[in-house]
Structures are given as structure tokens and as C-alpha cells.
Protein backbone atom coordinates (compact mmCIF):
# COMPACT_ATOMS: atom_id res chain seq x y z
CA MET A 1 0.00 0.00 0.00
CA ARG A 2 2.77 2.42 0.91
CA HIS A 3 4.59 1.65 -2.36
CA LYS A 4 1.42 2.34 -4.39
CA LEU A 5 0.83 5.61 -2.54
CA CYS A 6 4.41 6.75 -3.18
CA ASN A 7 4.11 5.93 -6.88
CA GLU A 8 0.86 7.86 -7.17
CA LEU A 9 2.29 10.85 -5.33
CA GLY A 10 5.38 10.83 -7.55
CA PHE A 11 3.22 10.65 -10.68
CA HIS A 12 1.01 13.49 -9.54
CA ALA A 13 3.96 15.61 -8.47
CA PHE A 14 5.58 15.09 -11.86
CA PHE A 15 2.48 15.95 -13.88
CA GLY A 16 1.32 18.66 -11.47
CA THR A 17 -2.16 17.37 -10.82
CA MET A 18 -3.84 15.31 -8.14
CA LYS A 19 -6.87 14.34 -10.24
CA LEU A 20 -6.72 12.98 -13.77
CA ASP A 21 -10.07 12.36 -15.30
CA ARG A 22 -10.66 10.00 -18.19
CA GLY A 23 -11.05 12.83 -20.73
CA MET A 24 -7.61 14.23 -19.99
CA THR A 25 -6.07 10.76 -20.24
CA MET A 26 -7.74 10.08 -23.59
CA ARG A 27 -6.74 13.53 -24.86
CA GLY A 28 -3.11 12.82 -24.00
CA PHE A 29 -3.30 9.44 -25.70
CA VAL A 30 -4.78 10.95 -28.88
CA ILE A 31 -2.15 13.70 -28.97
CA GLY A 32 0.61 11.13 -28.50
CA ALA A 33 -0.81 8.88 -31.22
CA LEU A 34 -1.04 11.82 -33.64
CA ALA A 35 2.54 12.83 -32.88
CA VAL A 36 3.76 9.29 -33.58
CA ALA A 37 1.73 9.16 -36.82
CA VAL A 38 3.21 12.46 -38.01
CA ALA A 39 6.73 11.27 -37.19
CA VAL A 40 6.25 7.97 -39.05
CA LEU A 41 4.69 9.62 -42.10
CA GLY A 42 7.42 12.27 -42.12
CA TYR A 43 10.10 9.60 -42.04
CA LEU A 44 8.42 7.62 -44.83
CA TYR A 45 8.20 10.76 -46.99
CA TRP A 46 11.84 11.64 -46.29
CA ASP A 47 12.90 8.07 -47.08
CA SER A 48 11.01 8.12 -50.39
CA GLN A 49 12.87 11.29 -51.43
CA HIS A 50 16.35 9.94 -50.61
CA ASN A 51 17.54 6.84 -52.40
CA THR A 52 21.15 6.72 -51.16
CA ILE A 53 21.83 4.17 -48.43
CA VAL A 54 25.62 4.61 -48.07
CA LYS A 55 27.72 7.37 -49.59
CA LEU A 56 31.46 7.16 -48.95
CA PRO A 57 34.36 8.48 -51.04
CA GLY A 58 34.53 6.13 -54.00
CA VAL A 59 31.57 4.00 -52.85
CA GLU A 60 27.88 4.77 -53.20
CA ILE A 61 25.14 2.23 -52.54
CA LYS A 62 21.64 3.13 -53.74
CA LYS A 63 18.21 1.59 -53.32
CA ASN A 64 16.34 0.40 -56.38
């Protein structure tokens, strides 16, 4: 019980709130999921624009 209480107090101290309702939790999850989706799509776009895998002096390996 004491361990659980300490974990909850540490969590709330870190996030600055003593009460998290379900709406705030879902909102954070949606924002995080959107951020991950943007990062993945951005990487896929960047990867499609660059076809060089390794570029060293005298050696260049490209994707097909």
C-alpha cells in the first residue's frame, strides 16, 4: 500500500495534478498517437525522397 501511494504521489507531483479524469487521459493518448503518426509519415516521406543508403568516397550504394 505504501509503495502504491508513493508511486501515485510521484506521478502526480511530476504531472502537477492530483486528479486525472478520463477525458484528460484520452486527450493525451490521442495527442501522442497523432505525434507518432506524423513522425512515421514524415520519415516515410523523407525516405522516399532519398535513395542513397551509403555514400562514402569512392563507394555509393543506392536503393532500387
